Amino acid sequence: MAASNNFSCRSAIDRMSDFAPLLIADRGQKARAIHLVDKLSFPGWLKGRSAEDKALLAAHRFDGKTGFAHVLLPRGGDFEVVGAVANASSLSPWCLAKLAEALPGGEYRLAWGEPGKAALGWLLAQHRFDTFRKKKEAATGPRVLVTGEPARIDATVRMAEATALVRDLVNTPAGNLGPAELETAVRDRVSRFGAEVRVTSGDALSTGFPLIAAVGAAATRDRAPRLIEAEYGDPKHPRIAIIGKGVCFDSGGLDIKPASGMRLMKKDMGGAAHALALFGLVAAERLPVRLHLLIPAVENAVSGAALRPGDIVRSRQGLQVEIDNTDAEGRLILADALTRAAEDKPELMIDFATLTGAARVALGPDLPALFANQDELLERLEAAAKEADDPLWRMPLWDGYDDMLKSDIADIANATGSSMAGCITAALFLRRFVPEGIGWAHLDTFAWRPKGKPGRPKGGDALGLRAAFSLLAGRYPIG
């Protein structure tokens, strides 16, 4: 299998130890002060400054209104920092990210208050995906943030690790991250928790998970499809299933994508990356649940063995599925995975998938489309998303569109042939494989940032991860 440029999928796992030294407890050590101001608080703050500070700020035209602008204020042989943010009294996760990218190396603390959620952006702003760069970015030394909230440090570091894991896996080229490498990444990540891992492939996959096998049938032998499962936690605790779409590259199959549509398809395993990261967060936090991770891992390729439009494949559940479009493959592999998850009767199933372009047309890159089969679950997820500053947008499981998935000769079609309501009909297809009585949430996420922002570079990203973890942490509190 391809492994050029000395890449190992361990790279995405090993770098996660980099964050801990960047966020430390305040024990009275020397640290440069960061003054955060906004357009309302800046005039009052400025009154207490020295004439030298005022002159320097005026020279830089600093008025507290420009987001992320900052000025270094000399203090003898050292300096303090003043930076403008949108709201100095309520810090977002990203309001310190620009400073963490731009300041010289050293230790810093806020002049008043604590960083809270903003510590996450401080950490992630210093993360780099440079595995494939011969010339690494010049190092200026770590920027360390001192916090008076030591109890939050470990959780913040774990979230930064999980987010970096998603970014690194999604950013990795498909030639270096096929189904086998994704399996290795899962084994490496869950092994630290002592989780049990099962992998179904070959004849057992064809027999037990025919939709997964059919989608991956065209791939070469070293990129053969498989279902990767891991379990962790006390079997007596509530059972939670986390499912992630693992299409390591999506050509579209025989309904082949145009070049422009294929360019980013290394990211089509972004759902799997989210699911793996969430599994690790829940296990590390030791939430009282029995976790079941399921990642159907395939490459949707083109060959004589490829799934054809018009083919009919029997799902694990038993429904006969007519293939209307081979580029609607993600819902096929998720259907078998959802069926497998439901067999163990979890009380909650959450799936992540880079499933439809229609969700992006409707909501753009930043907002994962949220579907759920229970109103209470929807409300809890929306509240969790707000709490975590990780937005989701509710979309309807509109029963009236179920007819769009009708097949003339099979139980159901995998696509509608229509350009309308694409993300909704995809979610309705998945719902067919979720038994009544089991809570189910589906996040149609982009897993990608087309334009960089402070702490959030262009490329792979975790969108919906913090919201899902916040839901589980609130629903299944420790103790």
Foldseek 3Di string as FASTA:
>chain_A
DDAPLVDALCVLVVCLVVQLQQEAACPPDDAAEEEEAAQVCQVVVVVPDDPQVVVQCVVVVPRLHDQFDKDWADDPPHTHMYGHHHDPVDDALASCLSVLLPPAADEYEYPDDFCVSVVLSSRLSPDDQCSNPPDDDDDRHGYHYYGNCVVCSVLSSLVSSLFSSLQNQLQDALSNDAQVSLLVNLCVLCVVLVKDKDKDFDPRCCVQFVLLQQQFVFDDPVRHKIKIKIKDADPVFFEEEEEFEAACAEQQEPLGDPPVVRVSRNNQRSQVSLSSSLVNSCSVVVFHYIYMYIYTTHHRDYDPSHDDQQDWIQGNVGFIEHENTSSQSRLSNLLNVLLVSCVVPGQEYETEGLGDPVQCVVPNAQEWEKDKDDPVVVVLLCVLCVVSVQHYHYDDLDPVCQVLQDDPPTRGYSARPDPPPGVNNSVNSSVVSHDPNHIYMYTNHNQFDCCDDRSRHGGGGDHSSSSVSSSSCVVRPDD
